[in-house]
Amino acid sequence: MSSEPHRDPRSVGGKRQTVRNSANNLIHFTAQAALKSKDVRVRRVLKLLDANPALRLPTLARHVHLSQSRLEFIFKMSTGQTLASYVLAVRLAHAASLLQQSGLHVKEVASKAGYSHATSFVRAFKRHFGIKPRAYRLKNRARRPQ
């Protein structure tokens, strides 16, 4: 039995939970599709993002010797997801992990997750997780066994 309470999918909390689950599924299924892809450039992009989620799309494109638009097209054809949505999900998952496991300031977490401005990071994080980064850290630290 799950420790999380069952939420009505029509409630705000239920919708937020659905968004979180969808984002996690996006990362998982896109990564699986990309790793199965016959296109080595897509697999390389996945490995690059895994090593450094802060990489920008133009940088990723240069690493695989493609224009950004061509890389986005190939990624979408190989995985069924846009590269931008995948990058966003990876960055936010990385940020959530940093918030849980480190004492880094939110500005530092934003920078390590690839955001130039902490305000943009906080806005994206709240849209994705339904909670601000600092509150996320406090909530998830409280759940950790002592």
Protein backbone atom coordinates (compact mmCIF):
# COMPACT_ATOMS: atom_id res chain seq x y z
CA MET A 1 0.00 0.00 0.00
CA SER A 2 1.35 3.42 -0.97
CA SER A 3 2.22 5.89 1.80
CA GLU A 4 0.75 8.73 -0.28
CA PRO A 5 -2.92 9.39 0.23
CA HIS A 6 -5.24 8.62 -2.64
CA ARG A 7 -6.20 11.84 -4.38
CA ASP A 8 -9.22 12.58 -6.46
CA PRO A 9 -7.80 13.25 -9.97
CA ARG A 10 -10.22 16.18 -10.29
CA SER A 11 -8.81 17.97 -7.21
CA VAL A 12 -5.88 20.42 -7.42
CA GLY A 13 -3.67 18.00 -5.48
CA GLY A 14 -4.73 15.16 -7.74
CA LYS A 15 -3.94 17.19 -10.84
CA ARG A 16 -0.50 18.07 -9.47
CA GLN A 17 0.17 14.40 -8.73
CA THR A 18 -0.91 13.53 -12.27
CA VAL A 19 1.50 16.15 -13.67
CA ARG A 20 4.38 14.77 -11.57
CA ASN A 21 3.63 11.20 -12.65
CA SER A 22 3.37 12.27 -16.29
CA ALA A 23 6.73 14.04 -16.13
CA ASN A 24 8.44 11.04 -14.58
CA ASN A 25 6.89 8.77 -17.20
CA LEU A 26 8.04 11.16 -19.94
CA ILE A 27 11.65 10.89 -18.82
CA HIS A 28 11.47 7.11 -18.46
CA PHE A 29 9.72 6.30 -21.74
CA THR A 30 11.63 8.87 -23.79
CA ALA A 31 14.92 7.55 -22.46
CA GLN A 32 13.89 3.97 -23.29
CA ALA A 33 12.82 4.95 -26.80
CA ALA A 34 15.99 6.93 -27.40
CA LEU A 35 18.24 4.14 -26.17
CA LYS A 36 16.47 1.71 -28.53
CA SER A 37 16.79 4.20 -31.37
CA LYS A 38 19.03 3.23 -34.23
CA ASP A 39 20.17 6.85 -34.45
CA VAL A 40 23.41 7.11 -32.51
CA ARG A 41 23.02 10.90 -32.32
CA VAL A 42 19.84 10.57 -30.25
CA ARG A 43 21.52 8.09 -27.92
CA ARG A 44 24.51 10.42 -27.59
CA VAL A 45 22.25 13.35 -26.69
CA LEU A 46 20.68 11.24 -23.95
CA LYS A 47 24.08 10.36 -22.53
CA LEU A 48 25.19 14.00 -22.67
CA LEU A 49 22.09 15.14 -20.81
CA ASP A 50 22.51 12.40 -18.24
CA ALA A 51 26.05 13.61 -17.56
CA ASN A 52 25.16 17.32 -17.61
CA PRO A 53 21.48 18.36 -17.52
CA ALA A 54 22.50 22.02 -17.80
CA LEU A 55 23.57 21.66 -21.46
CA ARG A 56 21.70 23.96 -23.83
CA LEU A 57 20.05 22.76 -27.06
CA PRO A 58 22.57 24.50 -29.38
CA THR A 59 25.43 22.85 -27.47
CA LEU A 60 23.78 19.44 -27.76
CA ALA A 61 23.32 19.98 -31.48
CA ARG A 62 27.00 20.89 -31.92
CA HIS A 63 28.06 17.75 -30.06
CA VAL A 64 26.22 15.58 -32.57
CA HIS A 65 27.14 17.72 -35.59
CA LEU A 66 23.58 18.79 -36.44
CA SER A 67 21.67 22.03 -36.56
CA GLN A 68 19.38 22.53 -33.60
CA SER A 69 16.25 22.21 -35.72
CA ARG A 70 17.47 18.98 -37.32
CA LEU A 71 18.33 17.50 -33.92
CA GLU A 72 14.88 18.45 -32.60
CA PHE A 73 13.26 16.78 -35.63
CA ILE A 74 15.32 13.57 -35.31
CA PHE A 75 14.70 13.39 -31.56
CA LYS A 76 10.94 13.80 -32.02
CA MET A 77 10.87 11.15 -34.77
CA SER A 78 12.92 8.70 -32.67
CA THR A 79 11.17 9.17 -29.33
CA GLY A 80 7.77 10.73 -29.99
CA GLN A 81 8.61 13.55 -27.57
CA THR A 82 10.08 16.97 -28.17
CA LEU A 83 13.67 17.51 -27.14
CA ALA A 84 12.74 20.69 -25.26
CA SER A 85 10.14 18.90 -23.09
CA TYR A 86 12.59 16.10 -22.37
CA VAL A 87 15.37 18.54 -21.41
CA LEU A 88 12.98 20.42 -19.12
CA ALA A 89 11.90 17.22 -17.36
CA VAL A 90 15.52 16.06 -16.92
CA ARG A 91 16.61 19.44 -15.53
CA LEU A 92 13.76 19.59 -13.05
CA ALA A 93 14.32 16.00 -11.92
CA HIS A 94 18.01 16.82 -11.41
CA ALA A 95 17.08 19.95 -9.46
CA ALA A 96 14.67 17.99 -7.24
CA SER A 97 17.43 15.49 -6.52
CA LEU A 98 19.86 18.29 -5.61
CA LEU A 99 17.29 19.89 -3.34
CA GLN A 100 16.77 16.62 -1.48
CA GLN A 101 20.39 15.55 -1.24
CA SER A 102 22.38 18.75 -0.84
CA GLY A 103 22.37 21.93 1.16
CA LEU A 104 22.92 24.07 -1.94
CA HIS A 105 21.12 27.40 -2.08
CA VAL A 106 18.20 27.53 -4.53
CA LYS A 107 20.23 29.86 -6.81
CA GLU A 108 23.01 27.27 -6.99
CA VAL A 109 20.54 24.48 -7.71
CA ALA A 110 19.04 26.62 -10.48
CA SER A 111 22.47 27.15 -12.02
CA LYS A 112 23.40 23.45 -11.83
CA ALA A 113 20.06 22.58 -13.45
CA GLY A 114 20.78 24.89 -16.39
CA TYR A 115 18.86 28.01 -15.44
CA SER A 116 20.47 31.45 -15.81
CA HIS A 117 17.94 33.11 -13.52
CA ALA A 118 16.66 31.72 -10.23
CA THR A 119 13.23 33.29 -10.80
CA SER A 120 12.78 31.34 -14.04
CA PHE A 121 13.83 28.19 -12.23
CA VAL A 122 11.42 28.74 -9.34
CA ARG A 123 8.55 29.40 -11.77
CA ALA A 124 9.29 26.26 -13.81
CA PHE A 125 9.79 24.14 -10.69
CA LYS A 126 6.49 25.28 -9.19
CA ARG A 127 4.66 24.67 -12.48
CA HIS A 128 6.11 21.16 -12.67
CA PHE A 129 5.91 20.03 -9.01
CA GLY A 130 3.17 22.31 -7.70
CA ILE A 131 5.41 23.59 -4.92
CA LYS A 132 8.31 26.06 -4.68
CA PRO A 133 11.84 24.59 -4.44
CA ARG A 134 12.46 25.66 -0.83
CA ALA A 135 9.15 24.16 0.31
CA TYR A 136 9.89 21.00 -1.71
CA ARG A 137 13.21 20.66 0.13
CA LEU A 138 11.61 21.10 3.54
CA LYS A 139 8.78 18.68 2.74
CA ASN A 140 11.10 15.98 1.42
CA ARG A 141 13.70 16.36 4.17
CA ALA A 142 10.98 15.87 6.77
CA ARG A 143 10.05 12.53 5.15
CA ARG A 144 13.59 11.19 5.32
CA PRO A 145 14.30 8.73 8.13
CA GLN A 146 16.64 10.14 10.76
